[in-house]
């Protein structure tokens, strides 16, 4: 088992978000939206890749189910993340 820590908010983080966004197949999603939310996504996930994947996947599912076919901060705000990410967010004082 290899222990890993949170990703720093840097070019690799933004590239990861862009790659995840590229894999989305939603009709009304505006390309570049998620990389533009890199700070927000880092604050919400604490830099955890697993939490980021779950957050984006859950938001995409919600966007498909509600018919909006796009991910927005409003959609992301409705998704609960894991306890570790929420604890980190509260410690750093970042509002949801």
PDB file of N, CA and C in Angstrom:
ATOM      1  N   UNK A   1       0.837  -1.167   0.000  1.00  0.00           N
ATOM      2  CA  UNK A   1       0.000   0.000   0.000  1.00  0.00           C
ATOM      3  C   UNK A   1       0.890   1.241   0.000  1.00  0.00           C
ATOM      4  N   UNK A   2       0.521   2.182  -0.832  1.00  0.00           N
ATOM      5  CA  UNK A   2       1.264   3.434  -0.910  1.00  0.00           C
ATOM      6  C   UNK A   2       0.379   4.537  -0.349  1.00  0.00           C
ATOM      7  N   UNK A   3       0.884   5.247   0.620  1.00  0.00           N
ATOM      8  CA  UNK A   3       0.128   6.359   1.194  1.00  0.00           C
ATOM      9  C   UNK A   3       0.369   7.609   0.349  1.00  0.00           C
ATOM     10  N   UNK A   4      -0.693   8.292   0.053  1.00  0.00           N
ATOM     11  CA  UNK A   4      -0.581   9.532  -0.714  1.00  0.00           C
ATOM     12  C   UNK A   4      -1.245  10.652   0.071  1.00  0.00           C
ATOM     13  N   UNK A   5      -0.875  11.847  -0.248  1.00  0.00           N
ATOM     14  CA  UNK A   5      -1.460  13.012   0.399  1.00  0.00           C
ATOM     15  C   UNK A   5      -2.283  13.792  -0.600  1.00  0.00           C
ATOM     16  N   UNK A   6      -2.813  14.891  -0.160  1.00  0.00           N
ATOM     17  CA  UNK A   6      -3.609  15.719  -1.060  1.00  0.00           C
ATOM     18  C   UNK A   6      -2.752  16.335  -2.161  1.00  0.00           C
ATOM     19  N   UNK A   7      -3.371  16.532  -3.309  1.00  0.00           N
ATOM     20  CA  UNK A   7      -2.709  17.215  -4.411  1.00  0.00           C
ATOM     21  C   UNK A   7      -2.607  18.699  -4.088  1.00  0.00           C
ATOM     22  N   UNK A   8      -1.484  19.322  -4.409  1.00  0.00           N
ATOM     23  CA  UNK A   8      -1.435  20.779  -4.273  1.00  0.00           C
ATOM     24  C   UNK A   8      -2.246  21.410  -5.410  1.00  0.00           C
ATOM     25  N   UNK A   9      -2.686  22.615  -5.204  1.00  0.00           N
ATOM     26  CA  UNK A   9      -3.414  23.325  -6.264  1.00  0.00           C
ATOM     27  C   UNK A   9      -2.364  23.939  -7.194  1.00  0.00           C
ATOM     28  N   UNK A  10      -2.085  23.212  -8.263  1.00  0.00           N
ATOM     29  CA  UNK A  10      -1.082  23.649  -9.226  1.00  0.00           C
ATOM     30  C   UNK A  10      -1.521  23.228 -10.624  1.00  0.00           C
ATOM     31  N   UNK A  11      -0.606  23.275 -11.573  1.00  0.00           N
ATOM     32  CA  UNK A  11      -0.934  22.953 -12.968  1.00  0.00           C
ATOM     33  C   UNK A  11      -1.405  21.501 -13.118  1.00  0.00           C
ATOM     34  N   UNK A  12      -0.837  20.589 -12.345  1.00  0.00           N
ATOM     35  CA  UNK A  12      -1.270  19.188 -12.426  1.00  0.00           C
ATOM     36  C   UNK A  12      -2.714  19.034 -11.967  1.00  0.00           C
ATOM     37  N   UNK A  13      -3.088  19.740 -10.925  1.00  0.00           N
ATOM     38  CA  UNK A  13      -4.457  19.701 -10.413  1.00  0.00           C
ATOM     39  C   UNK A  13      -5.423  20.192 -11.491  1.00  0.00           C
ATOM     40  N   UNK A  14      -5.092  21.318 -12.094  1.00  0.00           N
ATOM     41  CA  UNK A  14      -5.949  21.883 -13.139  1.00  0.00           C
ATOM     42  C   UNK A  14      -5.999  20.966 -14.357  1.00  0.00           C
ATOM     43  N   UNK A  15      -4.892  20.331 -14.702  1.00  0.00           N
ATOM     44  CA  UNK A  15      -4.867  19.386 -15.825  1.00  0.00           C
ATOM     45  C   UNK A  15      -5.738  18.170 -15.538  1.00  0.00           C
ATOM     46  N   UNK A  16      -5.709  17.702 -14.302  1.00  0.00           N
ATOM     47  CA  UNK A  16      -6.559  16.574 -13.914  1.00  0.00           C
ATOM     48  C   UNK A  16      -8.034  16.949 -14.075  1.00  0.00           C
ATOM     49  N   UNK A  17      -8.401  18.130 -13.616  1.00  0.00           N
ATOM     50  CA  UNK A  17      -9.785  18.592 -13.745  1.00  0.00           C
ATOM     51  C   UNK A  17     -10.176  18.700 -15.218  1.00  0.00           C
ATOM     52  N   UNK A  18      -9.277  19.232 -16.039  1.00  0.00           N
ATOM     53  CA  UNK A  18      -9.554  19.362 -17.473  1.00  0.00           C
ATOM     54  C   UNK A  18      -9.752  17.991 -18.119  1.00  0.00           C
ATOM     55  N   UNK A  19      -8.944  17.020 -17.719  1.00  0.00           N
ATOM     56  CA  UNK A  19      -9.088  15.665 -18.271  1.00  0.00           C
ATOM     57  C   UNK A  19     -10.417  15.048 -17.857  1.00  0.00           C
ATOM     58  N   UNK A  20     -10.807  15.266 -16.621  1.00  0.00           N
ATOM     59  CA  UNK A  20     -12.104  14.754 -16.161  1.00  0.00           C
ATOM     60  C   UNK A  20     -13.238  15.421 -16.933  1.00  0.00           C
ATOM     61  N   UNK A  21     -13.128  16.725 -17.107  1.00  0.00           N
ATOM     62  CA  UNK A  21     -14.161  17.443 -17.851  1.00  0.00           C
ATOM     63  C   UNK A  21     -14.250  16.947 -19.294  1.00  0.00           C
ATOM     64  N   UNK A  22     -13.114  16.676 -19.898  1.00  0.00           N
ATOM     65  CA  UNK A  22     -13.085  16.204 -21.286  1.00  0.00           C
ATOM     66  C   UNK A  22     -13.834  14.884 -21.446  1.00  0.00           C
ATOM     67  N   UNK A  23     -13.836  14.076 -20.381  1.00  0.00           N
ATOM     68  CA  UNK A  23     -14.505  12.777 -20.463  1.00  0.00           C
ATOM     69  C   UNK A  23     -16.027  12.878 -20.295  1.00  0.00           C
ATOM     70  N   UNK A  24     -16.519  14.039 -19.886  1.00  0.00           N
ATOM     71  CA  UNK A  24     -17.962  14.219 -19.724  1.00  0.00           C
ATOM     72  C   UNK A  24     -18.639  14.267 -21.089  1.00  0.00           C
ATOM     73  N   UNK A  25     -19.814  13.694 -21.158  1.00  0.00           N
ATOM     74  CA  UNK A  25     -20.571  13.710 -22.407  1.00  0.00           C
ATOM     75  C   UNK A  25     -21.956  14.283 -22.135  1.00  0.00           C
ATOM     76  N   UNK A  26     -21.953  15.574 -21.771  1.00  0.00           N
ATOM     77  CA  UNK A  26     -23.217  16.249 -21.495  1.00  0.00           C
ATOM     78  C   UNK A  26     -23.444  17.312 -22.565  1.00  0.00           C
ATOM     79  N   UNK A  27     -24.673  17.411 -23.020  1.00  0.00           N
ATOM     80  CA  UNK A  27     -24.987  18.249 -24.176  1.00  0.00           C
ATOM     81  C   UNK A  27     -24.836  19.746 -23.949  1.00  0.00           C
ATOM     82  N   UNK A  28     -25.060  20.228 -22.739  1.00  0.00           N
ATOM     83  CA  UNK A  28     -25.032  21.672 -22.500  1.00  0.00           C
ATOM     84  C   UNK A  28     -23.871  22.135 -21.635  1.00  0.00           C
ATOM     85  N   UNK A  29     -22.972  21.242 -21.308  1.00  0.00           N
ATOM     86  CA  UNK A  29     -21.831  21.633 -20.477  1.00  0.00           C
ATOM     87  C   UNK A  29     -20.864  22.472 -21.299  1.00  0.00           C
ATOM     88  N   UNK A  30     -20.453  23.593 -20.760  1.00  0.00           N
ATOM     89  CA  UNK A  30     -19.536  24.496 -21.454  1.00  0.00           C
ATOM     90  C   UNK A  30     -18.093  24.082 -21.147  1.00  0.00           C
ATOM     91  N   UNK A  31     -17.326  23.684 -22.176  1.00  0.00           N
ATOM     92  CA  UNK A  31     -15.936  23.291 -21.949  1.00  0.00           C
ATOM     93  C   UNK A  31     -15.148  24.418 -21.272  1.00  0.00           C
ATOM     94  N   UNK A  32     -14.317  24.053 -20.312  1.00  0.00           N
ATOM     95  CA  UNK A  32     -13.510  25.022 -19.584  1.00  0.00           C
ATOM     96  C   UNK A  32     -14.133  25.463 -18.268  1.00  0.00           C
ATOM     97  N   UNK A  33     -15.392  25.064 -18.049  1.00  0.00           N
ATOM     98  CA  UNK A  33     -16.071  25.449 -16.817  1.00  0.00           C
ATOM     99  C   UNK A  33     -15.366  24.870 -15.590  1.00  0.00           C
ATOM    100  N   UNK A  34     -15.095  23.570 -15.602  1.00  0.00           N
ATOM    101  CA  UNK A  34     -14.506  22.932 -14.424  1.00  0.00           C
ATOM    102  C   UNK A  34     -13.068  23.376 -14.154  1.00  0.00           C
ATOM    103  N   UNK A  35     -12.193  23.467 -15.165  1.00  0.00           N
ATOM    104  CA  UNK A  35     -10.858  23.990 -14.867  1.00  0.00           C
ATOM    105  C   UNK A  35     -10.906  25.420 -14.308  1.00  0.00           C
ATOM    106  N   UNK A  36     -11.925  26.172 -14.688  1.00  0.00           N
ATOM    107  CA  UNK A  36     -12.094  27.518 -14.143  1.00  0.00           C
ATOM    108  C   UNK A  36     -12.517  27.513 -12.681  1.00  0.00           C
ATOM    109  N   UNK A  37     -12.944  26.353 -12.203  1.00  0.00           N
ATOM    110  CA  UNK A  37     -13.360  26.195 -10.802  1.00  0.00           C
ATOM    111  C   UNK A  37     -12.298  25.466  -9.978  1.00  0.00           C
ATOM    112  N   UNK A  38     -11.046  25.491 -10.430  1.00  0.00           N
ATOM    113  CA  UNK A  38     -10.000  24.709  -9.767  1.00  0.00           C
ATOM    114  C   UNK A  38      -9.835  25.076  -8.292  1.00  0.00           C
ATOM    115  N   UNK A  39      -9.912  26.346  -7.940  1.00  0.00           N
ATOM    116  CA  UNK A  39      -9.789  26.741  -6.535  1.00  0.00           C
ATOM    117  C   UNK A  39     -10.973  26.199  -5.735  1.00  0.00           C
ATOM    118  N   UNK A  40     -12.175  26.424  -6.236  1.00  0.00           N
ATOM    119  CA  UNK A  40     -13.384  25.924  -5.576  1.00  0.00           C
ATOM    120  C   UNK A  40     -13.299  24.408  -5.388  1.00  0.00           C
ATOM    121  N   UNK A  41     -12.929  23.680  -6.444  1.00  0.00           N
ATOM    122  CA  UNK A  41     -12.854  22.222  -6.373  1.00  0.00           C
ATOM    123  C   UNK A  41     -11.777  21.766  -5.388  1.00  0.00           C
ATOM    124  N   UNK A  42     -10.683  22.487  -5.330  1.00  0.00           N
ATOM    125  CA  UNK A  42      -9.623  22.127  -4.377  1.00  0.00           C
ATOM    126  C   UNK A  42     -10.104  22.360  -2.950  1.00  0.00           C
ATOM    127  N   UNK A  43     -10.795  23.458  -2.729  1.00  0.00           N
ATOM    128  CA  UNK A  43     -11.325  23.741  -1.394  1.00  0.00           C
ATOM    129  C   UNK A  43     -12.374  22.710  -0.986  1.00  0.00           C
ATOM    130  N   UNK A  44     -13.240  22.332  -1.896  1.00  0.00           N
ATOM    131  CA  UNK A  44     -14.301  21.359  -1.578  1.00  0.00           C
ATOM    132  C   UNK A  44     -13.754  19.965  -1.310  1.00  0.00           C
ATOM    133  N   UNK A  45     -12.671  19.593  -1.994  1.00  0.00           N
ATOM    134  CA  UNK A  45     -12.158  18.223  -1.911  1.00  0.00           C
ATOM    135  C   UNK A  45     -10.921  18.074  -1.042  1.00  0.00           C
ATOM    136  N   UNK A  46     -10.343  19.182  -0.621  1.00  0.00           N
ATOM    137  CA  UNK A  46      -9.102  19.106   0.148  1.00  0.00           C
ATOM    138  C   UNK A  46      -7.949  18.573  -0.674  1.00  0.00           C
ATOM    139  N   UNK A  47      -8.075  18.624  -1.999  1.00  0.00           N
ATOM    140  CA  UNK A  47      -7.021  18.125  -2.879  1.00  0.00           C
ATOM    141  C   UNK A  47      -7.035  16.613  -3.064  1.00  0.00           C
ATOM    142  N   UNK A  48      -8.063  15.962  -2.565  1.00  0.00           N
ATOM    143  CA  UNK A  48      -8.165  14.503  -2.686  1.00  0.00           C
ATOM    144  C   UNK A  48      -8.715  14.119  -4.063  1.00  0.00           C
ATOM    145  N   UNK A  49      -7.965  13.298  -4.774  1.00  0.00           N
ATOM    146  CA  UNK A  49      -8.390  12.872  -6.107  1.00  0.00           C
ATOM    147  C   UNK A  49      -9.668  12.042  -6.017  1.00  0.00           C
ATOM    148  N   UNK A  50      -9.744  11.142  -5.054  1.00  0.00           N
ATOM    149  CA  UNK A  50     -10.939  10.315  -4.908  1.00  0.00           C
ATOM    150  C   UNK A  50     -12.177  11.149  -4.651  1.00  0.00           C
ATOM    151  N   UNK A  51     -12.042  12.146  -3.801  1.00  0.00           N
ATOM    152  CA  UNK A  51     -13.171  13.029  -3.502  1.00  0.00           C
ATOM    153  C   UNK A  51     -13.543  13.853  -4.730  1.00  0.00           C
ATOM    154  N   UNK A  52     -12.534  14.315  -5.462  1.00  0.00           N
ATOM    155  CA  UNK A  52     -12.788  15.077  -6.692  1.00  0.00           C
ATOM    156  C   UNK A  52     -13.562  14.223  -7.694  1.00  0.00           C
ATOM    157  N   UNK A  53     -13.122  12.987  -7.883  1.00  0.00           N
ATOM    158  CA  UNK A  53     -13.805  12.091  -8.821  1.00  0.00           C
ATOM    159  C   UNK A  53     -15.257  11.871  -8.421  1.00  0.00           C
ATOM    160  N   UNK A  54     -15.488  11.628  -7.137  1.00  0.00           N
ATOM    161  CA  UNK A  54     -16.853  11.395  -6.661  1.00  0.00           C
ATOM    162  C   UNK A  54     -17.711  12.643  -6.824  1.00  0.00           C
ATOM    163  N   UNK A  55     -17.155  13.808  -6.506  1.00  0.00           N
ATOM    164  CA  UNK A  55     -17.897  15.061  -6.617  1.00  0.00           C
ATOM    165  C   UNK A  55     -18.313  15.333  -8.058  1.00  0.00           C
ATOM    166  N   UNK A  56     -17.377  15.217  -8.986  1.00  0.00           N
ATOM    167  CA  UNK A  56     -17.690  15.486 -10.391  1.00  0.00           C
ATOM    168  C   UNK A  56     -18.641  14.428 -10.951  1.00  0.00           C
ATOM    169  N   UNK A  57     -18.396  13.174 -10.635  1.00  0.00           N
ATOM    170  CA  UNK A  57     -19.279  12.107 -11.107  1.00  0.00           C
ATOM    171  C   UNK A  57     -20.702  12.301 -10.583  1.00  0.00           C
ATOM    172  N   UNK A  58     -20.828  12.603  -9.302  1.00  0.00           N
ATOM    173  CA  UNK A  58     -22.151  12.815  -8.709  1.00  0.00           C
ATOM    174  C   UNK A  58     -22.853  14.021  -9.316  1.00  0.00           C
ATOM    175  N   UNK A  59     -22.107  15.097  -9.550  1.00  0.00           N
ATOM    176  CA  UNK A  59     -22.688  16.295 -10.165  1.00  0.00           C
ATOM    177  C   UNK A  59     -23.120  16.010 -11.603  1.00  0.00           C
ATOM    178  N   UNK A  60     -22.333  15.215 -12.321  1.00  0.00           N
ATOM    179  CA  UNK A  60     -22.700  14.855 -13.697  1.00  0.00           C
ATOM    180  C   UNK A  60     -23.975  14.020 -13.714  1.00  0.00           C
ATOM    181  N   UNK A  61     -24.076  13.069 -12.813  1.00  0.00           N
ATOM    182  CA  UNK A  61     -25.286  12.247 -12.734  1.00  0.00           C
ATOM    183  C   UNK A  61     -26.491  13.121 -12.416  1.00  0.00           C
ATOM    184  N   UNK A  62     -26.325  14.031 -11.451  1.00  0.00           N
ATOM    185  CA  UNK A  62     -27.422  14.936 -11.098  1.00  0.00           C
ATOM    186  C   UNK A  62     -27.827  15.801 -12.288  1.00  0.00           C
ATOM    187  N   UNK A  63     -26.849  16.306 -13.032  1.00  0.00           N
ATOM    188  CA  UNK A  63     -27.136  17.162 -14.193  1.00  0.00           C
ATOM    189  C   UNK A  63     -27.868  16.402 -15.292  1.00  0.00           C
ATOM    190  N   UNK A  64     -27.564  15.151 -15.437  1.00  0.00           N
ATOM    191  CA  UNK A  64     -28.265  14.327 -16.430  1.00  0.00           C
ATOM    192  C   UNK A  64     -29.691  14.042 -15.955  1.00  0.00           C
ATOM    193  N   UNK A  65     -29.823  13.685 -14.685  1.00  0.00           N
ATOM    194  CA  UNK A  65     -31.148  13.368 -14.146  1.00  0.00           C
ATOM    195  C   UNK A  65     -32.086  14.577 -14.144  1.00  0.00           C
ATOM    196  N   UNK A  66     -31.545  15.767 -13.833  1.00  0.00           N
ATOM    197  CA  UNK A  66     -32.429  16.943 -13.790  1.00  0.00           C
ATOM    198  C   UNK A  66     -32.610  17.600 -15.159  1.00  0.00           C
ATOM    199  N   UNK A  67     -31.903  17.076 -16.167  1.00  0.00           N
ATOM    200  CA  UNK A  67     -32.068  17.562 -17.529  1.00  0.00           C
ATOM    201  C   UNK A  67     -31.250  18.791 -17.879  1.00  0.00           C
ATOM    202  N   UNK A  68     -30.501  19.335 -16.917  1.00  0.00           N
ATOM    203  CA  UNK A  68     -29.706  20.541 -17.219  1.00  0.00           C
ATOM    204  C   UNK A  68     -28.515  20.217 -18.113  1.00  0.00           C
ATOM    205  N   UNK A  69     -27.979  19.004 -17.991  1.00  0.00           N
ATOM    206  CA  UNK A  69     -26.862  18.538 -18.830  1.00  0.00           C
ATOM    207  C   UNK A  69     -25.621  19.422 -18.727  1.00  0.00           C
ATOM    208  N   UNK A  70     -25.431  20.058 -17.565  1.00  0.00           N
ATOM    209  CA  UNK A  70     -24.214  20.847 -17.339  1.00  0.00           C
ATOM    210  C   UNK A  70     -23.929  20.900 -15.854  1.00  0.00           C
ATOM    211  N   UNK A  71     -22.657  21.039 -15.517  1.00  0.00           N
ATOM    212  CA  UNK A  71     -22.245  21.127 -14.126  1.00  0.00           C
ATOM    213  C   UNK A  71     -21.970  22.588 -13.792  1.00  0.00           C
ATOM    214  N   UNK A  72     -22.588  23.035 -12.725  1.00  0.00           N
ATOM    215  CA  UNK A  72     -22.403  24.408 -12.247  1.00  0.00           C
ATOM    216  C   UNK A  72     -22.007  24.357 -10.771  1.00  0.00           C
ATOM    217  N   UNK A  73     -21.585  25.484 -10.235  1.00  0.00           N
ATOM    218  CA  UNK A  73     -21.284  25.516  -8.802  1.00  0.00           C
ATOM    219  C   UNK A  73     -22.540  25.241  -7.990  1.00  0.00           C
ATOM    220  N   UNK A  74     -23.695  25.653  -8.515  1.00  0.00           N
ATOM    221  CA  UNK A  74     -24.944  25.379  -7.807  1.00  0.00           C
ATOM    222  C   UNK A  74     -25.169  23.865  -7.706  1.00  0.00           C
ATOM    223  N   UNK A  75     -24.897  23.145  -8.786  1.00  0.00           N
ATOM    224  CA  UNK A  75     -25.025  21.686  -8.756  1.00  0.00           C
ATOM    225  C   UNK A  75     -23.999  21.085  -7.804  1.00  0.00           C
ATOM    226  N   UNK A  76     -22.756  21.537  -7.905  1.00  0.00           N
ATOM    227  CA  UNK A  76     -21.693  21.012  -7.049  1.00  0.00           C
ATOM    228  C   UNK A  76     -21.991  21.256  -5.575  1.00  0.00           C
ATOM    229  N   UNK A  77     -22.593  22.397  -5.259  1.00  0.00           N
ATOM    230  CA  UNK A  77     -22.923  22.718  -3.865  1.00  0.00           C
ATOM    231  C   UNK A  77     -23.940  21.759  -3.264  1.00  0.00           C
ATOM    232  N   UNK A  78     -24.728  21.104  -4.100  1.00  0.00           N
ATOM    233  CA  UNK A  78     -25.742  20.177  -3.585  1.00  0.00           C
ATOM    234  C   UNK A  78     -25.178  18.789  -3.284  1.00  0.00           C
ATOM    235  N   UNK A  79     -23.953  18.538  -3.690  1.00  0.00           N
ATOM    236  CA  UNK A  79     -23.338  17.216  -3.525  1.00  0.00           C
ATOM    237  C   UNK A  79     -22.548  17.174  -2.224  1.00  0.00           C
ATOM    238  N   UNK A  80     -22.831  16.183  -1.403  1.00  0.00           N
ATOM    239  CA  UNK A  80     -22.064  15.984  -0.178  1.00  0.00           C
ATOM    240  C   UNK A  80     -20.743  15.311  -0.516  1.00  0.00           C
ATOM    241  N   UNK A  81     -19.692  15.723   0.182  1.00  0.00           N
ATOM    242  CA  UNK A  81     -18.389  15.085   0.021  1.00  0.00           C
ATOM    243  C   UNK A  81     -18.058  14.343   1.310  1.00  0.00           C
ATOM    244  N   UNK A  82     -16.943  13.654   1.321  1.00  0.00           N
ATOM    245  CA  UNK A  82     -16.582  12.838   2.479  1.00  0.00           C
ATOM    246  C   UNK A  82     -16.228  13.705   3.693  1.00  0.00           C
ATOM    247  N   UNK A  83     -16.223  13.068   4.832  1.00  0.00           N
ATOM    248  CA  UNK A  83     -15.978  13.751   6.105  1.00  0.00           C
ATOM    249  C   UNK A  83     -14.606  14.417   6.123  1.00  0.00           C
ATOM    250  N   UNK A  84     -13.586  13.735   5.609  1.00  0.00           N
ATOM    251  CA  UNK A  84     -12.229  14.299   5.625  1.00  0.00           C
ATOM    252  C   UNK A  84     -12.162  15.615   4.847  1.00  0.00           C
ATOM    253  N   UNK A  85     -12.804  15.664   3.686  1.00  0.00           N
ATOM    254  CA  UNK A  85     -12.789  16.890   2.879  1.00  0.00           C
ATOM    255  C   UNK A  85     -13.562  18.002   3.569  1.00  0.00           C
ATOM    256  N   UNK A  86     -14.703  17.674   4.160  1.00  0.00           N
ATOM    257  CA  UNK A  86     -15.491  18.685   4.875  1.00  0.00           C
ATOM    258  C   UNK A  86     -14.735  19.205   6.087  1.00  0.00           C
ATOM    259  N   UNK A  87     -14.035  18.327   6.793  1.00  0.00           N
ATOM    260  CA  UNK A  87     -13.257  18.736   7.956  1.00  0.00           C
ATOM    261  C   UNK A  87     -12.145  19.685   7.544  1.00  0.00           C
ATOM    262  N   UNK A  88     -11.447  19.366   6.457  1.00  0.00           N
ATOM    263  CA  UNK A  88     -10.383  20.225   5.946  1.00  0.00           C
ATOM    264  C   UNK A  88     -10.938  21.576   5.541  1.00  0.00           C
ATOM    265  N   UNK A  89     -12.084  21.582   4.862  1.00  0.00           N
ATOM    266  CA  UNK A  89     -12.698  22.829   4.408  1.00  0.00           C
ATOM    267  C   UNK A  89     -13.052  23.711   5.607  1.00  0.00           C
ATOM    268  N   UNK A  90     -13.603  23.110   6.630  1.00  0.00           N
ATOM    269  CA  UNK A  90     -13.986  23.882   7.833  1.00  0.00           C
ATOM    270  C   UNK A  90     -12.764  24.439   8.549  1.00  0.00           C
ATOM    271  N   UNK A  91     -11.686  23.657   8.618  1.00  0.00           N
ATOM    272  CA  UNK A  91     -10.464  24.103   9.297  1.00  0.00           C
ATOM    273  C   UNK A  91      -9.842  25.283   8.576  1.00  0.00           C
ATOM    274  N   UNK A  92      -9.938  25.293   7.250  1.00  0.00           N
ATOM    275  CA  UNK A  92      -9.333  26.380   6.475  1.00  0.00           C
ATOM    276  C   UNK A  92     -10.275  27.566   6.334  1.00  0.00           C
ATOM    277  N   UNK A  93     -11.516  27.395   6.776  1.00  0.00           N
ATOM    278  CA  UNK A  93     -12.464  28.507   6.756  1.00  0.00           C
ATOM    279  C   UNK A  93     -13.107  28.800   5.436  1.00  0.00           C
ATOM    280  N   UNK A  94     -13.046  27.866   4.490  1.00  0.00           N
ATOM    281  CA  UNK A  94     -13.651  28.073   3.181  1.00  0.00           C
ATOM    282  C   UNK A  94     -15.132  27.713   3.238  1.00  0.00           C
ATOM    283  N   UNK A  95     -15.949  28.657   2.861  1.00  0.00           N
ATOM    284  CA  UNK A  95     -17.390  28.414   2.843  1.00  0.00           C
ATOM    285  C   UNK A  95     -17.755  27.547   1.661  1.00  0.00           C
ATOM    286  N   UNK A  96     -18.859  26.892   1.796  1.00  0.00           N
ATOM    287  CA  UNK A  96     -19.345  26.037   0.717  1.00  0.00           C
ATOM    288  C   UNK A  96     -20.084  26.857  -0.295  1.00  0.00           C
TER     289      UNK A  96
END
